[in-house]
PDB file of all heavy atoms in Angstrom:
ATOM      1  N   VAL A   1       6.190 -10.067   4.406  1.00  0.00           N
ATOM      2  CA  VAL A   1       5.550 -10.950   3.432  1.00  0.00           C
ATOM      3  C   VAL A   1       6.485 -11.183   2.261  1.00  0.00           C
ATOM      4  O   VAL A   1       7.449 -10.430   2.045  1.00  0.00           O
ATOM      5  CB  VAL A   1       4.210 -10.366   2.944  1.00  0.00           C
ATOM      6  CG1 VAL A   1       3.224 -10.264   4.095  1.00  0.00           C
ATOM      7  CG2 VAL A   1       4.406  -8.993   2.290  1.00  0.00           C
ATOM      8  N   ASP A   2       6.195 -12.220   1.478  1.00  0.00           N
ATOM      9  CA  ASP A   2       7.084 -12.542   0.366  1.00  0.00           C
ATOM     10  C   ASP A   2       6.896 -11.562  -0.787  1.00  0.00           C
ATOM     11  O   ASP A   2       5.971 -10.743  -0.777  1.00  0.00           O
ATOM     12  CB  ASP A   2       6.889 -13.984  -0.095  1.00  0.00           C
ATOM     13  CG  ASP A   2       5.484 -14.264  -0.621  1.00  0.00           C
ATOM     14  OD1 ASP A   2       4.952 -13.443  -1.389  1.00  0.00           O
ATOM     15  OD2 ASP A   2       4.915 -15.318  -0.278  1.00  0.00           O
ATOM     16  N   ALA A   3       7.781 -11.648  -1.785  1.00  0.00           N
ATOM     17  CA  ALA A   3       7.854 -10.631  -2.836  1.00  0.00           C
ATOM     18  C   ALA A   3       6.551 -10.508  -3.615  1.00  0.00           C
ATOM     19  O   ALA A   3       6.105  -9.392  -3.923  1.00  0.00           O
ATOM     20  CB  ALA A   3       9.016 -10.952  -3.780  1.00  0.00           C
ATOM     21  N   LYS A   4       5.916 -11.649  -3.952  1.00  0.00           N
ATOM     22  CA  LYS A   4       4.687 -11.601  -4.740  1.00  0.00           C
ATOM     23  C   LYS A   4       3.560 -10.942  -3.969  1.00  0.00           C
ATOM     24  O   LYS A   4       2.849 -10.062  -4.485  1.00  0.00           O
ATOM     25  CB  LYS A   4       4.291 -13.031  -5.143  1.00  0.00           C
ATOM     26  CG  LYS A   4       3.050 -13.117  -6.010  1.00  0.00           C
ATOM     27  CD  LYS A   4       3.248 -12.423  -7.345  1.00  0.00           C
ATOM     28  CE  LYS A   4       2.014 -12.617  -8.239  1.00  0.00           C
ATOM     29  NZ  LYS A   4       2.164 -11.876  -9.519  1.00  0.00           N
ATOM     30  N   VAL A   5       3.384 -11.342  -2.701  1.00  0.00           N
ATOM     31  CA  VAL A   5       2.340 -10.745  -1.870  1.00  0.00           C
ATOM     32  C   VAL A   5       2.642  -9.272  -1.628  1.00  0.00           C
ATOM     33  O   VAL A   5       1.739  -8.428  -1.620  1.00  0.00           O
ATOM     34  CB  VAL A   5       2.225 -11.507  -0.531  1.00  0.00           C
ATOM     35  CG1 VAL A   5       1.245 -10.819   0.410  1.00  0.00           C
ATOM     36  CG2 VAL A   5       1.790 -12.943  -0.786  1.00  0.00           C
ATOM     37  N   ARG A   6       3.911  -8.953  -1.463  1.00  0.00           N
ATOM     38  CA  ARG A   6       4.325  -7.564  -1.240  1.00  0.00           C
ATOM     39  C   ARG A   6       3.882  -6.684  -2.410  1.00  0.00           C
ATOM     40  O   ARG A   6       3.349  -5.594  -2.216  1.00  0.00           O
ATOM     41  CB  ARG A   6       5.847  -7.529  -1.085  1.00  0.00           C
ATOM     42  CG  ARG A   6       6.414  -6.203  -0.622  1.00  0.00           C
ATOM     43  CD  ARG A   6       7.929  -6.297  -0.523  1.00  0.00           C
ATOM     44  NE  ARG A   6       8.501  -5.087   0.021  1.00  0.00           N
ATOM     45  CZ  ARG A   6       9.128  -5.001   1.179  1.00  0.00           C
ATOM     46  NH1 ARG A   6       9.255  -6.069   1.932  1.00  0.00           N
ATOM     47  NH2 ARG A   6       9.638  -3.860   1.590  1.00  0.00           N
ATOM     48  N   GLU A   7       4.080  -7.173  -3.628  1.00  0.00           N
ATOM     49  CA  GLU A   7       3.677  -6.398  -4.805  1.00  0.00           C
ATOM     50  C   GLU A   7       2.164  -6.206  -4.841  1.00  0.00           C
ATOM     51  O   GLU A   7       1.670  -5.113  -5.148  1.00  0.00           O
ATOM     52  CB  GLU A   7       4.149  -7.109  -6.070  1.00  0.00           C
ATOM     53  CG  GLU A   7       3.845  -6.335  -7.347  1.00  0.00           C
ATOM     54  CD  GLU A   7       4.399  -7.010  -8.588  1.00  0.00           C
ATOM     55  OE1 GLU A   7       5.091  -8.037  -8.450  1.00  0.00           O
ATOM     56  OE2 GLU A   7       4.133  -6.503  -9.696  1.00  0.00           O
ATOM     57  N   GLU A   8       1.416  -7.250  -4.519  1.00  0.00           N
ATOM     58  CA  GLU A   8      -0.042  -7.140  -4.492  1.00  0.00           C
ATOM     59  C   GLU A   8      -0.504  -6.136  -3.443  1.00  0.00           C
ATOM     60  O   GLU A   8      -1.423  -5.336  -3.682  1.00  0.00           O
ATOM     61  CB  GLU A   8      -0.655  -8.513  -4.212  1.00  0.00           C
ATOM     62  CG  GLU A   8      -0.453  -9.518  -5.344  1.00  0.00           C
ATOM     63  CD  GLU A   8      -0.895 -10.922  -4.967  1.00  0.00           C
ATOM     64  OE1 GLU A   8      -1.274 -11.120  -3.786  1.00  0.00           O
ATOM     65  OE2 GLU A   8      -0.855 -11.806  -5.839  1.00  0.00           O
ATOM     66  N   LEU A   9       0.138  -6.162  -2.262  1.00  0.00           N
ATOM     67  CA  LEU A   9      -0.246  -5.248  -1.190  1.00  0.00           C
ATOM     68  C   LEU A   9       0.066  -3.799  -1.541  1.00  0.00           C
ATOM     69  O   LEU A   9      -0.653  -2.884  -1.129  1.00  0.00           O
ATOM     70  CB  LEU A   9       0.446  -5.638   0.110  1.00  0.00           C
ATOM     71  CG  LEU A   9      -0.111  -6.883   0.820  1.00  0.00           C
ATOM     72  CD1 LEU A   9       0.761  -7.271   1.994  1.00  0.00           C
ATOM     73  CD2 LEU A   9      -1.546  -6.642   1.281  1.00  0.00           C
ATOM     74  N   ARG A  10       1.151  -3.576  -2.297  1.00  0.00           N
ATOM     75  CA  ARG A  10       1.457  -2.206  -2.730  1.00  0.00           C
ATOM     76  C   ARG A  10       0.300  -1.627  -3.533  1.00  0.00           C
ATOM     77  O   ARG A  10      -0.170  -0.508  -3.267  1.00  0.00           O
ATOM     78  CB  ARG A  10       2.699  -2.195  -3.616  1.00  0.00           C
ATOM     79  CG  ARG A  10       4.002  -2.494  -2.951  1.00  0.00           C
ATOM     80  CD  ARG A  10       5.071  -2.616  -4.009  1.00  0.00           C
ATOM     81  NE  ARG A  10       6.308  -3.147  -3.490  1.00  0.00           N
ATOM     82  CZ  ARG A  10       7.287  -3.630  -4.232  1.00  0.00           C
ATOM     83  NH1 ARG A  10       7.167  -3.643  -5.554  1.00  0.00           N
ATOM     84  NH2 ARG A  10       8.392  -4.079  -3.686  1.00  0.00           N
ATOM     85  N   HIS A  11      -0.154  -2.380  -4.545  1.00  0.00           N
ATOM     86  CA  HIS A  11      -1.251  -1.899  -5.383  1.00  0.00           C
ATOM     87  C   HIS A  11      -2.521  -1.731  -4.562  1.00  0.00           C
ATOM     88  O   HIS A  11      -3.280  -0.777  -4.747  1.00  0.00           O
ATOM     89  CB  HIS A  11      -1.482  -2.861  -6.540  1.00  0.00           C
ATOM     90  CG  HIS A  11      -0.315  -2.987  -7.476  1.00  0.00           C
ATOM     91  ND1 HIS A  11       0.247  -1.896  -8.124  1.00  0.00           N
ATOM     92  CD2 HIS A  11       0.399  -4.061  -7.886  1.00  0.00           C
ATOM     93  CE1 HIS A  11       1.251  -2.297  -8.887  1.00  0.00           C
ATOM     94  NE2 HIS A  11       1.376  -3.600  -8.747  1.00  0.00           N
ATOM     95  N   TRP A  12      -2.719  -2.650  -3.652  1.00  0.00           N
ATOM     96  CA  TRP A  12      -3.902  -2.583  -2.816  1.00  0.00           C
ATOM     97  C   TRP A  12      -3.884  -1.352  -1.908  1.00  0.00           C
ATOM     98  O   TRP A  12      -4.891  -0.662  -1.749  1.00  0.00           O
ATOM     99  CB  TRP A  12      -3.975  -3.873  -1.993  1.00  0.00           C
ATOM    100  CG  TRP A  12      -5.124  -3.910  -1.044  1.00  0.00           C
ATOM    101  CD1 TRP A  12      -6.413  -4.215  -1.306  1.00  0.00           C
ATOM    102  CD2 TRP A  12      -5.046  -3.594   0.338  1.00  0.00           C
ATOM    103  NE1 TRP A  12      -7.154  -4.121  -0.168  1.00  0.00           N
ATOM    104  CE2 TRP A  12      -6.353  -3.743   0.853  1.00  0.00           C
ATOM    105  CE3 TRP A  12      -4.019  -3.208   1.192  1.00  0.00           C
ATOM    106  CZ2 TRP A  12      -6.636  -3.509   2.184  1.00  0.00           C
ATOM    107  CZ3 TRP A  12      -4.311  -2.982   2.521  1.00  0.00           C
ATOM    108  CH2 TRP A  12      -5.602  -3.130   3.004  1.00  0.00           C
ATOM    109  N   LEU A  13      -2.720  -1.020  -1.308  1.00  0.00           N
ATOM    110  CA  LEU A  13      -2.609   0.161  -0.454  1.00  0.00           C
ATOM    111  C   LEU A  13      -2.871   1.431  -1.246  1.00  0.00           C
ATOM    112  O   LEU A  13      -3.543   2.347  -0.766  1.00  0.00           O
ATOM    113  CB  LEU A  13      -1.218   0.224   0.194  1.00  0.00           C
ATOM    114  CG  LEU A  13      -0.949   1.454   1.069  1.00  0.00           C
ATOM    115  CD1 LEU A  13      -1.935   1.538   2.225  1.00  0.00           C
ATOM    116  CD2 LEU A  13       0.488   1.444   1.593  1.00  0.00           C
ATOM    117  N   ARG A  14      -2.377   1.495  -2.469  1.00  0.00           N
ATOM    118  CA  ARG A  14      -2.597   2.678  -3.297  1.00  0.00           C
ATOM    119  C   ARG A  14      -4.085   2.852  -3.596  1.00  0.00           C
ATOM    120  O   ARG A  14      -4.630   3.950  -3.487  1.00  0.00           O
ATOM    121  CB  ARG A  14      -1.800   2.536  -4.593  1.00  0.00           C
ATOM    122  CG  ARG A  14      -1.903   3.714  -5.552  1.00  0.00           C
ATOM    123  CD  ARG A  14      -1.243   4.972  -5.028  1.00  0.00           C
ATOM    124  NE  ARG A  14      -2.204   6.012  -4.712  1.00  0.00           N
ATOM    125  CZ  ARG A  14      -1.858   7.244  -4.346  1.00  0.00           C
ATOM    126  NH1 ARG A  14      -0.593   7.574  -4.209  1.00  0.00           N
ATOM    127  NH2 ARG A  14      -2.766   8.138  -4.078  1.00  0.00           N
ATOM    128  N   ARG A  15      -4.751   1.739  -3.943  1.00  0.00           N
ATOM    129  CA  ARG A  15      -6.192   1.810  -4.224  1.00  0.00           C
ATOM    130  C   ARG A  15      -6.969   2.178  -2.962  1.00  0.00           C
ATOM    131  O   ARG A  15      -7.912   2.980  -3.015  1.00  0.00           O
ATOM    132  CB  ARG A  15      -6.691   0.476  -4.771  1.00  0.00           C
ATOM    133  CG  ARG A  15      -6.188   0.148  -6.174  1.00  0.00           C
ATOM    134  CD  ARG A  15      -7.025  -0.971  -6.802  1.00  0.00           C
ATOM    135  NE  ARG A  15      -7.031  -2.177  -5.999  1.00  0.00           N
ATOM    136  CZ  ARG A  15      -6.152  -3.153  -6.103  1.00  0.00           C
ATOM    137  NH1 ARG A  15      -5.164  -3.072  -6.985  1.00  0.00           N
ATOM    138  NH2 ARG A  15      -6.235  -4.227  -5.340  1.00  0.00           N
ATOM    139  N   LEU A  16      -6.546   1.600  -1.831  1.00  0.00           N
ATOM    140  CA  LEU A  16      -7.211   1.906  -0.567  1.00  0.00           C
ATOM    141  C   LEU A  16      -7.100   3.387  -0.242  1.00  0.00           C
ATOM    142  O   LEU A  16      -8.088   4.031   0.133  1.00  0.00           O
ATOM    143  CB  LEU A  16      -6.591   1.069   0.557  1.00  0.00           C
ATOM    144  CG  LEU A  16      -7.087   1.363   1.978  1.00  0.00           C
ATOM    145  CD1 LEU A  16      -8.549   0.958   2.112  1.00  0.00           C
ATOM    146  CD2 LEU A  16      -6.229   0.635   3.008  1.00  0.00           C
ATOM    147  N   HIS A  17      -5.907   3.933  -0.411  1.00  0.00           N
ATOM    148  CA  HIS A  17      -5.716   5.351  -0.118  1.00  0.00           C
ATOM    149  C   HIS A  17      -6.584   6.218  -1.021  1.00  0.00           C
ATOM    150  O   HIS A  17      -7.152   7.229  -0.579  1.00  0.00           O
ATOM    151  CB  HIS A  17      -4.246   5.737  -0.279  1.00  0.00           C
ATOM    152  CG  HIS A  17      -3.986   7.177   0.036  1.00  0.00           C
ATOM    153  ND1 HIS A  17      -3.983   8.163  -0.933  1.00  0.00           N
ATOM    154  CD2 HIS A  17      -3.743   7.823   1.206  1.00  0.00           C
ATOM    155  CE1 HIS A  17      -3.747   9.328  -0.380  1.00  0.00           C
ATOM    156  NE2 HIS A  17      -3.592   9.150   0.924  1.00  0.00           N
ATOM    157  N   ASP A  18      -6.693   5.847  -2.272  1.00  0.00           N
ATOM    158  CA  ASP A  18      -7.513   6.626  -3.202  1.00  0.00           C
ATOM    159  C   ASP A  18      -8.984   6.596  -2.806  1.00  0.00           C
ATOM    160  O   ASP A  18      -9.744   7.506  -3.166  1.00  0.00           O
ATOM    161  CB  ASP A  18      -7.335   6.092  -4.631  1.00  0.00           C
ATOM    162  CG  ASP A  18      -5.946   6.374  -5.199  1.00  0.00           C
ATOM    163  OD1 ASP A  18      -5.263   7.270  -4.659  1.00  0.00           O
ATOM    164  OD2 ASP A  18      -5.548   5.701  -6.166  1.00  0.00           O
ATOM    165  N   GLU A  19      -9.378   5.566  -2.067  1.00  0.00           N
ATOM    166  CA  GLU A  19     -10.773   5.477  -1.611  1.00  0.00           C
ATOM    167  C   GLU A  19     -11.007   6.241  -0.319  1.00  0.00           C
ATOM    168  O   GLU A  19     -12.010   6.939  -0.172  1.00  0.00           O
ATOM    169  CB  GLU A  19     -11.176   4.012  -1.432  1.00  0.00           C
ATOM    170  CG  GLU A  19     -11.339   3.243  -2.737  1.00  0.00           C
ATOM    171  CD  GLU A  19     -11.929   1.858  -2.504  1.00  0.00           C
ATOM    172  OE1 GLU A  19     -12.802   1.722  -1.627  1.00  0.00           O
ATOM    173  OE2 GLU A  19     -11.508   0.921  -3.208  1.00  0.00           O
ATOM    174  N   VAL A  20     -10.118   6.100   0.662  1.00  0.00           N
ATOM    175  CA  VAL A  20     -10.373   6.676   1.984  1.00  0.00           C
ATOM    176  C   VAL A  20      -9.739   8.054   2.174  1.00  0.00           C
ATOM    177  O   VAL A  20     -10.171   8.828   3.038  1.00  0.00           O
ATOM    178  CB  VAL A  20      -9.908   5.726   3.102  1.00  0.00           C
ATOM    179  CG1 VAL A  20     -10.629   4.394   3.006  1.00  0.00           C
ATOM    180  CG2 VAL A  20      -8.404   5.496   3.056  1.00  0.00           C
ATOM    181  N   HIS A  21      -8.673   8.364   1.421  1.00  0.00           N
ATOM    182  CA  HIS A  21      -8.050   9.699   1.415  1.00  0.00           C
ATOM    183  C   HIS A  21      -7.532  10.148   2.778  1.00  0.00           C
ATOM    184  O   HIS A  21      -7.436  11.351   3.037  1.00  0.00           O
ATOM    185  CB  HIS A  21      -9.023  10.759   0.870  1.00  0.00           C
ATOM    186  CG  HIS A  21      -9.446  10.506  -0.536  1.00  0.00           C
ATOM    187  ND1 HIS A  21      -8.581  10.591  -1.601  1.00  0.00           N
ATOM    188  CD2 HIS A  21     -10.662  10.152  -1.057  1.00  0.00           C
ATOM    189  CE1 HIS A  21      -9.235  10.313  -2.721  1.00  0.00           C
ATOM    190  NE2 HIS A  21     -10.483  10.033  -2.422  1.00  0.00           N
ATOM    191  N   VAL A  22      -7.200   9.216   3.668  1.00  0.00           N
ATOM    192  CA  VAL A  22      -6.621   9.625   4.946  1.00  0.00           C
ATOM    193  C   VAL A  22      -5.153   9.989   4.728  1.00  0.00           C
ATOM    194  O   VAL A  22      -4.445   9.329   3.959  1.00  0.00           O
ATOM    195  CB  VAL A  22      -6.769   8.503   5.997  1.00  0.00           C
ATOM    196  CG1 VAL A  22      -6.018   7.248   5.601  1.00  0.00           C
ATOM    197  CG2 VAL A  22      -6.307   8.971   7.371  1.00  0.00           C
ATOM    198  N   THR A  23      -4.691  11.046   5.361  1.00  0.00           N
ATOM    199  CA  THR A  23      -3.288  11.449   5.274  1.00  0.00           C
ATOM    200  C   THR A  23      -2.415  10.300   5.783  1.00  0.00           C
ATOM    201  O   THR A  23      -2.615   9.800   6.891  1.00  0.00           O
ATOM    202  CB  THR A  23      -3.051  12.707   6.124  1.00  0.00           C
ATOM    203  OG1 THR A  23      -3.948  13.726   5.700  1.00  0.00           O
ATOM    204  CG2 THR A  23      -1.617  13.192   5.980  1.00  0.00           C
ATOM    205  N   SER A  24      -1.464   9.884   4.960  1.00  0.00           N
ATOM    206  CA  SER A  24      -0.718   8.669   5.279  1.00  0.00           C
ATOM    207  C   SER A  24       0.771   8.847   5.038  1.00  0.00           C
ATOM    208  O   SER A  24       1.187   9.497   4.079  1.00  0.00           O
ATOM    209  CB  SER A  24      -1.213   7.489   4.420  1.00  0.00           C
ATOM    210  OG  SER A  24      -2.598   7.288   4.562  1.00  0.00           O
ATOM    211  N   ILE A  25       1.575   8.231   5.928  1.00  0.00           N
ATOM    212  CA  ILE A  25       3.028   8.149   5.756  1.00  0.00           C
ATOM    213  C   ILE A  25       3.422   6.695   5.954  1.00  0.00           C
ATOM    214  O   ILE A  25       2.997   6.068   6.928  1.00  0.00           O
ATOM    215  CB  ILE A  25       3.789   9.011   6.784  1.00  0.00           C
ATOM    216  CG1 ILE A  25       3.337  10.476   6.723  1.00  0.00           C
ATOM    217  CG2 ILE A  25       5.299   8.917   6.545  1.00  0.00           C
ATOM    218  CD1 ILE A  25       3.942  11.337   7.822  1.00  0.00           C
ATOM    219  N   PHE A  26       4.208   6.155   5.033  1.00  0.00           N
ATOM    220  CA  PHE A  26       4.735   4.812   5.263  1.00  0.00           C
ATOM    221  C   PHE A  26       6.244   4.806   5.093  1.00  0.00           C
ATOM    222  O   PHE A  26       6.807   5.537   4.278  1.00  0.00           O
ATOM    223  CB  PHE A  26       4.050   3.771   4.370  1.00  0.00           C
ATOM    224  CG  PHE A  26       4.445   3.787   2.920  1.00  0.00           C
ATOM    225  CD1 PHE A  26       5.387   2.888   2.425  1.00  0.00           C
ATOM    226  CD2 PHE A  26       3.851   4.672   2.042  1.00  0.00           C
ATOM    227  CE1 PHE A  26       5.725   2.886   1.085  1.00  0.00           C
ATOM    228  CE2 PHE A  26       4.180   4.672   0.690  1.00  0.00           C
ATOM    229  CZ  PHE A  26       5.130   3.776   0.211  1.00  0.00           C
ATOM    230  N   VAL A  27       6.875   3.998   5.926  1.00  0.00           N
ATOM    231  CA  VAL A  27       8.336   3.857   5.947  1.00  0.00           C
ATOM    232  C   VAL A  27       8.726   2.644   5.129  1.00  0.00           C
ATOM    233  O   VAL A  27       8.105   1.579   5.236  1.00  0.00           O
ATOM    234  CB  VAL A  27       8.830   3.699   7.397  1.00  0.00           C
ATOM    235  CG1 VAL A  27      10.244   3.135   7.436  1.00  0.00           C
ATOM    236  CG2 VAL A  27       8.778   5.032   8.127  1.00  0.00           C
ATOM    237  N   THR A  28       9.746   2.789   4.305  1.00  0.00           N
ATOM    238  CA  THR A  28      10.249   1.661   3.535  1.00  0.00           C
ATOM    239  C   THR A  28      11.707   1.894   3.159  1.00  0.00           C
ATOM    240  O   THR A  28      12.155   3.039   3.087  1.00  0.00           O
ATOM    241  CB  THR A  28       9.409   1.443   2.256  1.00  0.00           C
ATOM    242  OG1 THR A  28       9.893   0.308   1.539  1.00  0.00           O
ATOM    243  CG2 THR A  28       9.474   2.664   1.343  1.00  0.00           C
ATOM    244  N   HIS A  29      12.446   0.787   2.946  1.00  0.00           N
ATOM    245  CA  HIS A  29      13.779   0.901   2.377  1.00  0.00           C
ATOM    246  C   HIS A  29      13.764   0.435   0.921  1.00  0.00           C
ATOM    247  O   HIS A  29      14.801   0.394   0.271  1.00  0.00           O
ATOM    248  CB  HIS A  29      14.790   0.063   3.178  1.00  0.00           C
ATOM    249  CG  HIS A  29      14.480  -1.403   3.171  1.00  0.00           C
ATOM    250  ND1 HIS A  29      13.683  -1.998   4.113  1.00  0.00           N
ATOM    251  CD2 HIS A  29      14.833  -2.381   2.306  1.00  0.00           C
ATOM    252  CE1 HIS A  29      13.567  -3.290   3.842  1.00  0.00           C
ATOM    253  NE2 HIS A  29      14.258  -3.549   2.747  1.00  0.00           N
TER     254      HIS A  29
END
């Protein structure tokens, strides 16, 4: 995804994790 959407998805993933608390690993460079 493009840079703007990427930034939005980052915040969204963090909020999602705080809600569901599933053990998670993500790969990134």
